[in-house]
Each structure stands twice: as structure tokens, then as C-alpha cells.
Amino acid sequence: MPYRHAHYYVAGVLLVILAGFWASYFAPIGNVPLAFHVHAMTAMTWLALLIVQVVSIQRRMNALHRTIGLASFVLFPLLIVGLMMIINHAAARFAAREDDFILYAGPSFGVGMAIAIAAYLTLYYQALRHRRTVRLHAGYMLATPMILFESPFSRVIDRYLPWLNVIDSQGPQAVFDEILIGDLLMTAFALALYFRNRRHGAPWLVAAAFMMTQAVVMWTVPGNKALGDLFRAYAAIPAFVTLTAAALLGGGAAWLGWRAAPASGEGRRVRDAAPAV
């Protein structure tokens, strides 16, 4: 099994989530919107799934690995739905002109989350497509926690490590400084993994490309009027439509990725693994 210490890395991301969202989510957990519950539970369950899959394959618990892998077919569409619910929540607040911050930052958050959805769909599809090549399969699955690392880590910077914000923009733009820095740090980590094994390093390049796209776009578009008009139009779309689309995208990525893998007898078969790390 490659990436023998991967479960520690994933557990570390969980700790960053706890630290970053303690004040805004976990402490007032009874008074937060449903969208945040769905997003938090599906995202943390996804990380727990990755930890179990790493440990199970290392301990040769193949039956458990296969069962949990198949369960990802159900969890992954729910993960995408949770991300879409966050976009919908931000769009509703923006359309209602709830406060000056959401008017400035809301569309940027929406675009950033849309990029995250595209990243998750791509990484999961590729993980299933390459499930017979262990290093690629594991790499694509383990790249998924990188995509939203900036969200909790930017809050860690704001509360505990303000000196890390070397950009130091004024006003609400400072939030996007912290997001940019979080994405840059995780991109550097992804590139380090790529250079350790370039032959099977594609997952880390894909993740790095998405993170840098997210970082640059989110930092540059806050306050953009044209994007604000598009986000307001998006807010008028019924939630049923957008959430159904999210579920179909998640399920479609799973189905297409599974179908795209070569037959077990084709090519150099490294390992016929279940659809997880």
C-alpha cells in the first residue's frame, strides 16, 4: 500500500476542521442552518471513510475495504449535494442583501465552491477509472481532502495565526488573503508529493491545478458586478433543481469512473481494488 502514513494526514485535516469551525459551527451547532449540517456531516464522513480505507487495506481487511468502497457510491453524491447546499445558502443570502459582507464576498464563495465541486467530481472519477493501479487510485482519493482545506485553515489563520496573512488586505478582502494562503500551502504540499514520484504523480498535479484556480479566482472576483448579477440569477433557480443536478453529477461521476476502468485482464494489472483508497 503506497502512502503508508496517509491516515495521519487525513486525521490532521479533520483536526484543522475542528479548530477552524469550532467557533462558527461546532460551538453553536444547534443554531446553524441545515446546509451547514449536511455539508459538515458528509465532508467529515468522507474523511473518516478515507481513514478506514487506508487502515483496512494496510491490514489486509479486504472485505471491509471493498464494502466501504462500495458505500462511497452512496456517500459521494451526498457530498456533492452538501457542497451545492452551501452555494444555495450563500446565493439566498446574497439575493436578500443580508449584509455588506455577503454582497461583497457571496459570489466569490459560490464560484469557489463550484470549483471545489468540479475538483471532487474529477478526482473521484479518476480514482475509479484508475482503480486497478494502486498508486493512482490511492493518490486521486487522497487528493480530495486538499480541495477544501483552505476553508477551515483560513479560519485557523484568522483566529490563531494572523501573522501568516502576509498579504494583509484591508476589510473583507482579508478573508480571501487567508483562503489564498491556505490554497498556496496545500498546493506546495501537493507538488512535493508529485516530485517524489512523478510517474504516478498525476493526482497531485490535478489537485494543485484546481487549488490554484480556486485561489486566484476567489481572490480576484469579490465585488465583481457581472458575477453578482449571475449569482443573483442563480439564486432564483429552485433548490430542488440544483440539488437534483448535484446528486446526478455525483452519481454520474461514480458510474462513468467505474465504467472507464479497463477490464481486469487488460494491461498491467497492479491491483483490482474496490472504489476507495
Protein backbone atom coordinates (compact mmCIF):
# COMPACT_ATOMS: atom_id res chain seq x y z
CA MET A 1 0.00 0.00 0.00
CA PRO A 2 1.50 3.39 -1.02
CA TYR A 3 1.19 6.40 1.25
CA ARG A 4 1.54 4.33 4.41
CA HIS A 5 1.05 7.31 6.70
CA ALA A 6 -1.89 8.75 4.78
CA HIS A 7 -4.37 8.16 7.60
CA TYR A 8 -2.39 10.57 9.79
CA TYR A 9 -2.57 13.21 7.07
CA VAL A 10 -6.36 12.78 6.76
CA ALA A 11 -6.75 12.86 10.54
CA GLY A 12 -4.75 16.09 10.54
CA VAL A 13 -7.25 17.62 8.11
CA LEU A 14 -10.04 16.60 10.48
CA LEU A 15 -8.27 18.38 13.34
CA VAL A 16 -7.94 21.52 11.21
CA ILE A 17 -11.69 21.34 10.53
CA LEU A 18 -12.42 21.11 14.26
CA ALA A 19 -10.14 24.04 15.04
CA GLY A 20 -11.29 26.19 12.15
CA PHE A 21 -15.02 25.68 12.54
CA TRP A 22 -15.25 25.31 16.32
CA ALA A 23 -16.47 28.85 16.96
CA SER A 24 -18.72 29.19 13.91
CA TYR A 25 -20.19 25.67 13.69
CA PHE A 26 -19.43 23.20 16.48
CA ALA A 27 -19.98 25.51 19.46
CA PRO A 28 -23.35 26.87 18.23
CA ILE A 29 -24.26 23.62 16.45
CA GLY A 30 -27.93 23.82 17.42
CA ASN A 31 -28.37 27.22 15.78
CA VAL A 32 -26.87 26.81 12.32
CA PRO A 33 -28.71 26.29 9.00
CA LEU A 34 -29.38 22.80 7.66
CA ALA A 35 -26.99 23.34 4.75
CA PHE A 36 -24.05 23.52 7.13
CA HIS A 37 -25.08 20.30 8.89
CA VAL A 38 -25.33 18.37 5.61
CA HIS A 39 -22.03 19.75 4.36
CA ALA A 40 -20.21 19.14 7.64
CA MET A 41 -21.50 15.61 8.15
CA THR A 42 -20.87 14.45 4.58
CA ALA A 43 -17.41 16.04 4.42
CA MET A 44 -16.28 14.60 7.76
CA THR A 45 -17.77 11.20 6.94
CA TRP A 46 -15.82 11.27 3.67
CA LEU A 47 -12.60 11.88 5.59
CA ALA A 48 -13.46 9.07 8.02
CA LEU A 49 -14.07 6.79 5.03
CA LEU A 50 -10.60 7.58 3.70
CA ILE A 51 -9.01 6.77 7.06
CA VAL A 52 -10.83 3.44 7.29
CA GLN A 53 -9.85 2.54 3.74
CA VAL A 54 -6.17 3.28 4.30
CA VAL A 55 -6.07 1.26 7.52
CA SER A 56 -8.16 -1.62 6.16
CA ILE A 57 -6.00 -2.17 3.08
CA GLN A 58 -2.81 -1.94 5.13
CA ARG A 59 -4.13 -4.62 7.48
CA ARG A 60 -5.37 -6.73 4.56
CA MET A 61 -9.00 -6.42 5.65
CA ASN A 62 -10.08 -6.70 2.03
CA ALA A 63 -13.74 -7.44 2.69
CA LEU A 64 -14.13 -4.31 4.81
CA HIS A 65 -12.19 -2.28 2.26
CA ARG A 66 -14.50 -3.46 -0.51
CA THR A 67 -17.67 -2.81 1.48
CA ILE A 68 -16.66 0.71 2.49
CA GLY A 69 -15.52 1.36 -1.05
CA LEU A 70 -18.93 0.46 -2.41
CA ALA A 71 -20.52 2.68 0.24
CA SER A 72 -18.68 5.61 -1.32
CA PHE A 73 -21.08 5.29 -4.27
CA VAL A 74 -23.81 6.48 -1.90
CA LEU A 75 -21.77 8.95 0.12
CA PHE A 76 -20.16 10.76 -2.80
CA PRO A 77 -23.40 12.12 -4.35
CA LEU A 78 -24.45 13.27 -0.87
CA LEU A 79 -21.10 15.04 -0.51
CA ILE A 80 -21.76 16.94 -3.74
CA VAL A 81 -25.30 17.77 -2.59
CA GLY A 82 -23.86 19.20 0.63
CA LEU A 83 -21.50 21.42 -1.33
CA MET A 84 -24.36 22.62 -3.54
CA MET A 85 -26.44 23.41 -0.46
CA ILE A 86 -23.69 25.77 0.70
CA ILE A 87 -23.77 27.53 -2.68
CA ASN A 88 -27.56 27.82 -2.44
CA HIS A 89 -27.36 29.22 1.09
CA ALA A 90 -24.82 31.87 0.03
CA ALA A 91 -26.91 32.75 -3.04
CA ALA A 92 -30.06 33.18 -0.95
CA ARG A 93 -28.24 35.48 1.47
CA PHE A 94 -26.79 37.45 -1.44
CA ALA A 95 -30.17 37.85 -3.17
CA ALA A 96 -31.71 39.01 0.12
CA ARG A 97 -28.91 41.59 0.50
CA GLU A 98 -28.42 40.31 4.04
CA ASP A 99 -25.34 42.38 4.85
CA ASP A 100 -22.43 44.21 3.24
CA PHE A 101 -20.06 41.27 3.65
CA ILE A 102 -22.22 38.79 1.73
CA LEU A 103 -22.81 41.39 -1.00
CA TYR A 104 -19.05 41.67 -1.44
CA ALA A 105 -17.99 38.07 -0.86
CA GLY A 106 -21.01 35.88 -1.67
CA PRO A 107 -20.42 35.39 -5.41
CA SER A 108 -16.76 34.58 -4.77
CA PHE A 109 -17.75 31.93 -2.24
CA GLY A 110 -20.21 30.49 -4.76
CA VAL A 111 -17.61 30.29 -7.53
CA GLY A 112 -15.05 28.81 -5.15
CA MET A 113 -17.47 26.09 -4.10
CA ALA A 114 -18.35 25.38 -7.74
CA ILE A 115 -14.64 24.88 -8.47
CA ALA A 116 -14.47 22.55 -5.46
CA ILE A 117 -17.37 20.52 -6.85
CA ALA A 118 -15.62 20.23 -10.23
CA ALA A 119 -12.45 19.12 -8.44
CA TYR A 120 -14.22 16.45 -6.40
CA LEU A 121 -16.02 15.10 -9.46
CA THR A 122 -12.76 14.93 -11.41
CA LEU A 123 -10.72 13.32 -8.64
CA TYR A 124 -13.34 10.70 -7.78
CA TYR A 125 -13.92 9.84 -11.43
CA GLN A 126 -10.17 9.41 -11.95
CA ALA A 127 -9.84 7.35 -8.77
CA LEU A 128 -12.41 4.88 -10.06
CA ARG A 129 -11.02 4.93 -13.58
CA HIS A 130 -7.55 4.03 -12.26
CA ARG A 131 -8.70 1.65 -9.53
CA ARG A 132 -6.52 -1.15 -10.95
CA THR A 133 -3.37 0.97 -10.49
CA VAL A 134 -3.00 1.34 -6.76
CA ARG A 135 -0.77 4.41 -6.65
CA LEU A 136 -3.01 6.40 -8.98
CA HIS A 137 -6.20 5.18 -7.32
CA ALA A 138 -4.93 6.00 -3.85
CA GLY A 139 -3.49 9.32 -4.97
CA TYR A 140 -6.72 10.56 -6.51
CA MET A 141 -8.74 9.59 -3.45
CA LEU A 142 -6.23 11.10 -1.03
CA ALA A 143 -6.16 14.32 -3.06
CA THR A 144 -9.82 15.01 -2.27
CA PRO A 145 -9.20 16.42 1.25
CA MET A 146 -6.86 19.01 -0.25
CA ILE A 147 -9.64 20.77 -2.11
CA LEU A 148 -11.49 22.26 0.84
CA PHE A 149 -8.52 22.54 3.18
CA GLU A 150 -8.46 26.28 2.61
CA SER A 151 -11.89 26.71 4.17
CA PRO A 152 -11.07 25.59 7.74
CA PHE A 153 -7.42 26.62 7.53
CA SER A 154 -8.29 30.19 6.56
CA ARG A 155 -10.27 30.39 9.79
CA VAL A 156 -7.33 28.95 11.72
CA ILE A 157 -5.19 31.75 10.27
CA ASP A 158 -7.77 34.35 11.24
CA ARG A 159 -8.13 33.15 14.84
CA TYR A 160 -4.78 31.69 15.78
CA LEU A 161 -2.13 32.51 13.15
CA PRO A 162 -2.81 36.05 11.90
CA TRP A 163 0.90 36.55 11.18
CA LEU A 164 0.56 34.08 8.30
CA ASN A 165 -1.50 36.62 6.37
CA VAL A 166 1.46 38.35 4.78
CA ILE A 167 -0.79 39.95 2.13
CA ASP A 168 -2.75 41.85 4.78
CA SER A 169 -5.53 43.32 2.65
CA GLN A 170 -7.98 45.64 4.35
CA GLY A 171 -11.62 44.92 5.14
CA PRO A 172 -13.41 41.79 3.88
CA GLN A 173 -10.72 41.14 1.26
CA ALA A 174 -8.55 39.85 4.14
CA VAL A 175 -10.74 36.72 4.17
CA PHE A 176 -9.62 35.95 0.63
CA ASP A 177 -5.99 36.57 1.57
CA GLU A 178 -6.33 33.74 4.09
CA ILE A 179 -8.03 31.47 1.56
CA LEU A 180 -5.27 32.19 -0.96
CA ILE A 181 -2.57 31.37 1.60
CA GLY A 182 -4.29 28.12 2.58
CA ASP A 183 -4.53 27.06 -1.05
CA LEU A 184 -0.89 28.00 -1.69
CA LEU A 185 0.35 25.94 1.25
CA MET A 186 -1.64 22.87 0.21
CA THR A 187 -0.57 23.32 -3.41
CA ALA A 188 3.06 23.29 -2.28
CA PHE A 189 2.37 20.04 -0.41
CA ALA A 190 0.72 18.53 -3.50
CA LEU A 191 3.67 19.49 -5.70
CA ALA A 192 6.12 18.00 -3.20
CA LEU A 193 4.22 14.71 -3.45
CA TYR A 194 4.31 14.95 -7.23
CA PHE A 195 8.09 15.39 -7.36
CA ARG A 196 8.57 12.42 -5.04
CA ASN A 197 7.03 10.13 -7.67
CA ARG A 198 6.36 11.82 -10.99
CA ARG A 199 5.41 8.57 -12.70
CA HIS A 200 2.29 8.29 -10.54
CA GLY A 201 2.08 11.95 -9.60
CA ALA A 202 -0.83 13.00 -11.81
CA PRO A 203 -3.34 13.13 -8.89
CA TRP A 204 -1.29 15.78 -7.13
CA LEU A 205 -0.93 17.89 -10.28
CA VAL A 206 -4.68 17.75 -10.85
CA ALA A 207 -5.36 18.78 -7.26
CA ALA A 208 -2.77 21.57 -7.47
CA ALA A 209 -4.35 22.93 -10.66
CA PHE A 210 -7.79 23.08 -9.07
CA MET A 211 -6.49 24.67 -5.87
CA MET A 212 -4.57 27.38 -7.70
CA THR A 213 -7.57 28.09 -9.92
CA GLN A 214 -9.77 28.38 -6.85
CA ALA A 215 -7.25 30.59 -5.05
CA VAL A 216 -6.76 33.05 -7.92
CA VAL A 217 -10.44 33.27 -8.87
CA MET A 218 -11.70 33.70 -5.31
CA TRP A 219 -9.12 36.40 -4.58
CA THR A 220 -9.79 38.42 -7.74
CA VAL A 221 -13.60 38.36 -8.19
CA PRO A 222 -15.06 39.73 -4.91
CA GLY A 223 -17.20 42.80 -5.62
CA ASN A 224 -17.46 42.00 -9.36
CA LYS A 225 -20.84 43.33 -10.55
CA ALA A 226 -21.29 40.97 -13.51
CA LEU A 227 -20.62 37.94 -11.34
CA GLY A 228 -23.01 39.35 -8.74
CA ASP A 229 -25.77 39.56 -11.36
CA LEU A 230 -25.16 35.94 -12.35
CA PHE A 231 -25.20 34.83 -8.72
CA ARG A 232 -28.49 36.67 -8.15
CA ALA A 233 -29.98 34.89 -11.18
CA TYR A 234 -28.70 31.57 -9.82
CA ALA A 235 -30.49 32.27 -6.53
CA ALA A 236 -33.81 32.24 -8.41
CA ILE A 237 -33.35 28.61 -9.51
CA PRO A 238 -35.42 26.28 -7.28
CA ALA A 239 -33.30 24.34 -4.79
CA PHE A 240 -34.88 21.09 -5.98
CA VAL A 241 -33.34 21.64 -9.41
CA THR A 242 -29.83 22.45 -8.23
CA LEU A 243 -29.72 19.70 -5.60
CA THR A 244 -31.05 17.10 -8.04
CA ALA A 245 -28.37 18.19 -10.50
CA ALA A 246 -25.74 17.82 -7.77
CA ALA A 247 -26.87 14.30 -6.92
CA LEU A 248 -26.87 13.33 -10.59
CA LEU A 249 -23.39 14.76 -11.07
CA GLY A 250 -22.07 12.79 -8.10
CA GLY A 251 -23.75 9.59 -9.22
CA GLY A 252 -22.65 10.16 -12.80
CA ALA A 253 -19.01 10.57 -11.79
CA ALA A 254 -19.19 7.27 -9.90
CA TRP A 255 -20.88 5.39 -12.75
CA LEU A 256 -18.67 6.81 -15.51
CA GLY A 257 -15.49 6.29 -13.50
CA TRP A 258 -16.38 2.68 -12.78
CA ARG A 259 -17.17 2.04 -16.44
CA ALA A 260 -13.98 3.75 -17.64
CA ALA A 261 -11.64 1.33 -15.88
CA PRO A 262 -10.08 -1.30 -18.16
CA ALA A 263 -11.21 -4.89 -17.83
CA SER A 264 -9.28 -6.80 -15.19
CA GLY A 265 -7.29 -8.74 -17.77
CA GLU A 266 -6.19 -5.70 -19.79
CA GLY A 267 -2.82 -4.03 -19.39
CA ARG A 268 -0.58 -4.31 -16.39
CA ARG A 269 -2.87 -5.20 -13.53
CA VAL A 270 -1.43 -3.78 -10.34
CA ARG A 271 -4.39 -4.47 -8.09
CA ASP A 272 -8.12 -4.88 -8.59
CA ALA A 273 -9.14 -2.64 -5.71
CA ALA A 274 -12.56 -1.54 -4.53
CA PRO A 275 -13.55 2.09 -5.24
CA ALA A 276 -11.63 3.68 -2.38
CA VAL A 277 -8.12 4.16 -1.07
